[in-house]
Amino acid sequence: MEVKVNKQNRTFDGDPQMPLMWFLRDELGLTGTKFGCGVGLCGACTVHVDGKAVRACAVGMNEVAGKSVTTIEGLSADGNHPVQKAWRAENVPQCGYCQPGQIMQGAALLLENKKPSDEQILAAMSGNICRCGCYQRIFTAIKTAAKEVA
């Protein structure tokens, strides 16, 4: 099966049920997608599939055949996507483990809604867990990024 990852065509001929996360990490070496819970509940493995945020640990390769996948490595060639810039400006990360998934979730929100309300930001980000409790800085960074993309 064919899948486009970070704008490059890739071929996969393994188990169609294999989670996308393992293809990204083990086959392609894209380790920015983090393994967290393994059942799609924590958000550490969030990537974009055709522009929508999905949990790479809970999506089989058969579900992404013919689609476009974007990982944290492909979000911006120079690391200057508006959400990434806001993350730095607001000093969001503490341990940093959940941050790629948080950034990808926030970027997906802003793709869909360039001016999200506070409630929409909270709802969109509610499925991403931060063990360090950086939720206020995450929220602030998304609001900061929204100003740039609006």
C-alpha atoms as a PDB file:
ATOM      1  CA  MET A   1       0.000   0.000   0.000  1.00  0.00           C
ATOM      2  CA  GLU A   2       1.018   3.578  -0.655  1.00  0.00           C
ATOM      3  CA  VAL A   3       0.931   6.390   1.890  1.00  0.00           C
ATOM      4  CA  LYS A   4       2.341   9.886   1.686  1.00  0.00           C
ATOM      5  CA  VAL A   5       4.322  10.814   4.807  1.00  0.00           C
ATOM      6  CA  ASN A   6       5.557  14.373   5.167  1.00  0.00           C
ATOM      7  CA  LYS A   7       5.000  14.917   1.428  1.00  0.00           C
ATOM      8  CA  GLN A   8       7.024  11.844   0.417  1.00  0.00           C
ATOM      9  CA  ASN A   9       5.442   8.760  -1.126  1.00  0.00           C
ATOM     10  CA  ARG A  10       6.091   5.651   0.950  1.00  0.00           C
ATOM     11  CA  THR A  11       5.306   1.999   0.377  1.00  0.00           C
ATOM     12  CA  PHE A  12       4.237  -0.446   3.066  1.00  0.00           C
ATOM     13  CA  ASP A  13       3.815  -4.168   2.448  1.00  0.00           C
ATOM     14  CA  GLY A  14       3.511  -5.465   6.004  1.00  0.00           C
ATOM     15  CA  ASP A  15       0.568  -6.312   8.244  1.00  0.00           C
ATOM     16  CA  PRO A  16      -2.288  -3.970   7.273  1.00  0.00           C
ATOM     17  CA  GLN A  17      -3.414  -3.875  10.913  1.00  0.00           C
ATOM     18  CA  MET A  18      -0.049  -2.600  12.166  1.00  0.00           C
ATOM     19  CA  PRO A  19      -0.485   0.751  13.913  1.00  0.00           C
ATOM     20  CA  LEU A  20       0.665   3.755  11.940  1.00  0.00           C
ATOM     21  CA  MET A  21       2.845   4.761  14.897  1.00  0.00           C
ATOM     22  CA  TRP A  22       5.137   1.761  14.478  1.00  0.00           C
ATOM     23  CA  PHE A  23       5.490   2.382  10.758  1.00  0.00           C
ATOM     24  CA  LEU A  24       6.477   5.986  11.435  1.00  0.00           C
ATOM     25  CA  ARG A  25       8.888   5.186  14.262  1.00  0.00           C
ATOM     26  CA  ASP A  26      10.346   1.805  13.327  1.00  0.00           C
ATOM     27  CA  GLU A  27      10.201   1.802   9.546  1.00  0.00           C
ATOM     28  CA  LEU A  28      10.750   5.486   8.775  1.00  0.00           C
ATOM     29  CA  GLY A  29      12.739   6.577  11.847  1.00  0.00           C
ATOM     30  CA  LEU A  30      10.358   9.453  12.612  1.00  0.00           C
ATOM     31  CA  THR A  31      10.610   9.275  16.384  1.00  0.00           C
ATOM     32  CA  GLY A  32       8.838  12.564  17.131  1.00  0.00           C
ATOM     33  CA  THR A  33       5.603  10.597  17.282  1.00  0.00           C
ATOM     34  CA  LYS A  34       5.698   9.330  20.869  1.00  0.00           C
ATOM     35  CA  PHE A  35       4.295   6.122  22.327  1.00  0.00           C
ATOM     36  CA  GLY A  36       2.176   6.921  25.348  1.00  0.00           C
ATOM     37  CA  CYS A  37      -0.761   4.728  26.275  1.00  0.00           C
ATOM     38  CA  GLY A  38      -1.040   2.612  23.126  1.00  0.00           C
ATOM     39  CA  VAL A  39      -4.840   2.887  22.973  1.00  0.00           C
ATOM     40  CA  GLY A  40      -5.382   6.424  21.690  1.00  0.00           C
ATOM     41  CA  LEU A  41      -6.255   8.049  24.989  1.00  0.00           C
ATOM     42  CA  CYS A  42      -3.254  10.235  25.873  1.00  0.00           C
ATOM     43  CA  GLY A  43      -2.525  12.038  22.596  1.00  0.00           C
ATOM     44  CA  ALA A  44       1.280  11.657  22.661  1.00  0.00           C
ATOM     45  CA  CYS A  45       1.187   9.998  19.236  1.00  0.00           C
ATOM     46  CA  THR A  46      -1.012  12.586  17.508  1.00  0.00           C
ATOM     47  CA  VAL A  47      -0.311  13.097  13.801  1.00  0.00           C
ATOM     48  CA  HIS A  48      -2.378  14.513  10.943  1.00  0.00           C
ATOM     49  CA  VAL A  49      -4.067  12.268   8.398  1.00  0.00           C
ATOM     50  CA  ASP A  50      -5.393  14.350   5.536  1.00  0.00           C
ATOM     51  CA  GLY A  51      -5.218  17.375   7.853  1.00  0.00           C
ATOM     52  CA  LYS A  52      -7.145  15.838  10.751  1.00  0.00           C
ATOM     53  CA  ALA A  53      -5.610  14.972  14.120  1.00  0.00           C
ATOM     54  CA  VAL A  54      -5.525  11.222  14.747  1.00  0.00           C
ATOM     55  CA  ARG A  55      -3.849   8.950  17.271  1.00  0.00           C
ATOM     56  CA  ALA A  56      -1.176   7.028  15.381  1.00  0.00           C
ATOM     57  CA  CYS A  57      -1.215   4.192  17.920  1.00  0.00           C
ATOM     58  CA  ALA A  58      -4.886   3.475  17.232  1.00  0.00           C
ATOM     59  CA  VAL A  59      -4.935   3.753  13.426  1.00  0.00           C
ATOM     60  CA  GLY A  60      -3.972   0.768  11.305  1.00  0.00           C
ATOM     61  CA  MET A  61      -1.914   1.091   8.171  1.00  0.00           C
ATOM     62  CA  ASN A  62      -4.937  -0.087   6.165  1.00  0.00           C
ATOM     63  CA  GLU A  63      -6.773   3.054   7.324  1.00  0.00           C
ATOM     64  CA  VAL A  64      -4.137   5.431   5.938  1.00  0.00           C
ATOM     65  CA  ALA A  65      -3.560   3.774   2.552  1.00  0.00           C
ATOM     66  CA  GLY A  66      -3.673   6.428  -0.141  1.00  0.00           C
ATOM     67  CA  LYS A  67      -3.789   9.245   2.406  1.00  0.00           C
ATOM     68  CA  SER A  68      -1.410  11.975   3.469  1.00  0.00           C
ATOM     69  CA  VAL A  69       0.214  11.769   6.926  1.00  0.00           C
ATOM     70  CA  THR A  70       2.027  14.653   8.569  1.00  0.00           C
ATOM     71  CA  THR A  71       4.180  14.127  11.645  1.00  0.00           C
ATOM     72  CA  ILE A  72       5.824  16.706  13.887  1.00  0.00           C
ATOM     73  CA  GLU A  73       8.912  16.391  11.678  1.00  0.00           C
ATOM     74  CA  GLY A  74       6.847  17.406   8.637  1.00  0.00           C
ATOM     75  CA  LEU A  75       4.783  20.166  10.222  1.00  0.00           C
ATOM     76  CA  SER A  76       7.378  22.797   9.291  1.00  0.00           C
ATOM     77  CA  ALA A  77      10.719  22.331   7.565  1.00  0.00           C
ATOM     78  CA  ASP A  78      12.369  24.914   9.807  1.00  0.00           C
ATOM     79  CA  GLY A  79      10.347  24.417  13.000  1.00  0.00           C
ATOM     80  CA  ASN A  80       8.524  27.700  12.548  1.00  0.00           C
ATOM     81  CA  HIS A  81       4.917  26.651  12.206  1.00  0.00           C
ATOM     82  CA  PRO A  82       2.852  29.233  14.137  1.00  0.00           C
ATOM     83  CA  VAL A  83       2.101  26.684  16.876  1.00  0.00           C
ATOM     84  CA  GLN A  84       5.787  25.763  17.210  1.00  0.00           C
ATOM     85  CA  LYS A  85       6.754  29.434  17.428  1.00  0.00           C
ATOM     86  CA  ALA A  86       4.069  30.042  20.058  1.00  0.00           C
ATOM     87  CA  TRP A  87       5.294  27.006  22.037  1.00  0.00           C
ATOM     88  CA  ARG A  88       8.734  28.586  22.262  1.00  0.00           C
ATOM     89  CA  ALA A  89       7.403  32.078  22.972  1.00  0.00           C
ATOM     90  CA  GLU A  90       5.223  30.816  25.827  1.00  0.00           C
ATOM     91  CA  ASN A  91       7.878  28.412  27.193  1.00  0.00           C
ATOM     92  CA  VAL A  92       5.356  25.577  27.127  1.00  0.00           C
ATOM     93  CA  PRO A  93       7.403  22.384  27.589  1.00  0.00           C
ATOM     94  CA  GLN A  94       8.570  21.056  30.878  1.00  0.00           C
ATOM     95  CA  CYS A  95       9.615  17.440  30.321  1.00  0.00           C
ATOM     96  CA  GLY A  96       8.570  17.702  26.656  1.00  0.00           C
ATOM     97  CA  TYR A  97       7.372  14.138  26.087  1.00  0.00           C
ATOM     98  CA  CYS A  98       3.791  15.032  25.172  1.00  0.00           C
ATOM     99  CA  GLN A  99       4.688  18.174  23.260  1.00  0.00           C
ATOM    100  CA  PRO A 100       4.784  16.783  19.683  1.00  0.00           C
ATOM    101  CA  GLY A 101       1.276  15.403  20.147  1.00  0.00           C
ATOM    102  CA  GLN A 102       0.075  18.617  21.780  1.00  0.00           C
ATOM    103  CA  ILE A 103       1.534  20.707  18.949  1.00  0.00           C
ATOM    104  CA  MET A 104       0.004  18.475  16.278  1.00  0.00           C
ATOM    105  CA  GLN A 105      -3.403  18.621  17.994  1.00  0.00           C
ATOM    106  CA  GLY A 106      -3.205  22.409  18.239  1.00  0.00           C
ATOM    107  CA  ALA A 107      -2.094  22.749  14.623  1.00  0.00           C
ATOM    108  CA  ALA A 108      -5.027  20.577  13.482  1.00  0.00           C
ATOM    109  CA  LEU A 109      -7.427  22.769  15.446  1.00  0.00           C
ATOM    110  CA  LEU A 110      -6.090  25.890  13.746  1.00  0.00           C
ATOM    111  CA  LEU A 111      -6.360  24.234  10.323  1.00  0.00           C
ATOM    112  CA  GLU A 112     -10.072  23.760  10.950  1.00  0.00           C
ATOM    113  CA  ASN A 113     -10.758  26.932  12.909  1.00  0.00           C
ATOM    114  CA  LYS A 114      -8.460  29.925  12.624  1.00  0.00           C
ATOM    115  CA  LYS A 115     -10.225  31.802  15.441  1.00  0.00           C
ATOM    116  CA  PRO A 116     -11.212  29.203  18.033  1.00  0.00           C
ATOM    117  CA  SER A 117     -13.004  30.311  21.174  1.00  0.00           C
ATOM    118  CA  ASP A 118     -11.604  29.439  24.578  1.00  0.00           C
ATOM    119  CA  GLU A 119     -14.139  26.643  24.849  1.00  0.00           C
ATOM    120  CA  GLN A 120     -13.171  25.248  21.430  1.00  0.00           C
ATOM    121  CA  ILE A 121      -9.493  25.243  22.378  1.00  0.00           C
ATOM    122  CA  LEU A 122     -10.226  23.447  25.631  1.00  0.00           C
ATOM    123  CA  ALA A 123     -12.427  20.891  23.870  1.00  0.00           C
ATOM    124  CA  ALA A 124      -9.894  20.224  21.101  1.00  0.00           C
ATOM    125  CA  MET A 125      -6.993  19.825  23.516  1.00  0.00           C
ATOM    126  CA  SER A 126      -8.859  17.863  26.185  1.00  0.00           C
ATOM    127  CA  GLY A 127      -7.747  14.484  24.830  1.00  0.00           C
ATOM    128  CA  ASN A 128      -4.040  15.311  25.126  1.00  0.00           C
ATOM    129  CA  ILE A 129      -2.523  14.578  28.514  1.00  0.00           C
ATOM    130  CA  CYS A 130       0.402  16.507  29.966  1.00  0.00           C
ATOM    131  CA  ARG A 131       1.821  14.810  33.041  1.00  0.00           C
ATOM    132  CA  CYS A 132       3.711  17.969  33.967  1.00  0.00           C
ATOM    133  CA  GLY A 133       0.512  20.017  34.046  1.00  0.00           C
ATOM    134  CA  CYS A 134       1.488  22.632  31.447  1.00  0.00           C
ATOM    135  CA  TYR A 135      -2.132  23.091  30.434  1.00  0.00           C
ATOM    136  CA  GLN A 136      -2.289  26.853  31.001  1.00  0.00           C
ATOM    137  CA  ARG A 137       0.825  27.442  28.901  1.00  0.00           C
ATOM    138  CA  ILE A 138      -0.518  25.094  26.200  1.00  0.00           C
ATOM    139  CA  PHE A 139      -3.790  27.026  26.127  1.00  0.00           C
ATOM    140  CA  THR A 140      -1.947  30.362  25.968  1.00  0.00           C
ATOM    141  CA  ALA A 141       0.305  29.118  23.156  1.00  0.00           C
ATOM    142  CA  ILE A 142      -2.686  28.044  21.064  1.00  0.00           C
ATOM    143  CA  LYS A 143      -4.267  31.481  21.546  1.00  0.00           C
ATOM    144  CA  THR A 144      -0.954  33.098  20.548  1.00  0.00           C
ATOM    145  CA  ALA A 145      -0.681  30.905  17.422  1.00  0.00           C
ATOM    146  CA  ALA A 146      -4.295  31.658  16.495  1.00  0.00           C
ATOM    147  CA  LYS A 147      -3.433  35.363  16.291  1.00  0.00           C
ATOM    148  CA  GLU A 148      -0.739  34.568  13.717  1.00  0.00           C
ATOM    149  CA  VAL A 149      -2.860  32.308  11.518  1.00  0.00           C
ATOM    150  CA  ALA A 150      -5.994  34.495  11.609  1.00  0.00           C
END
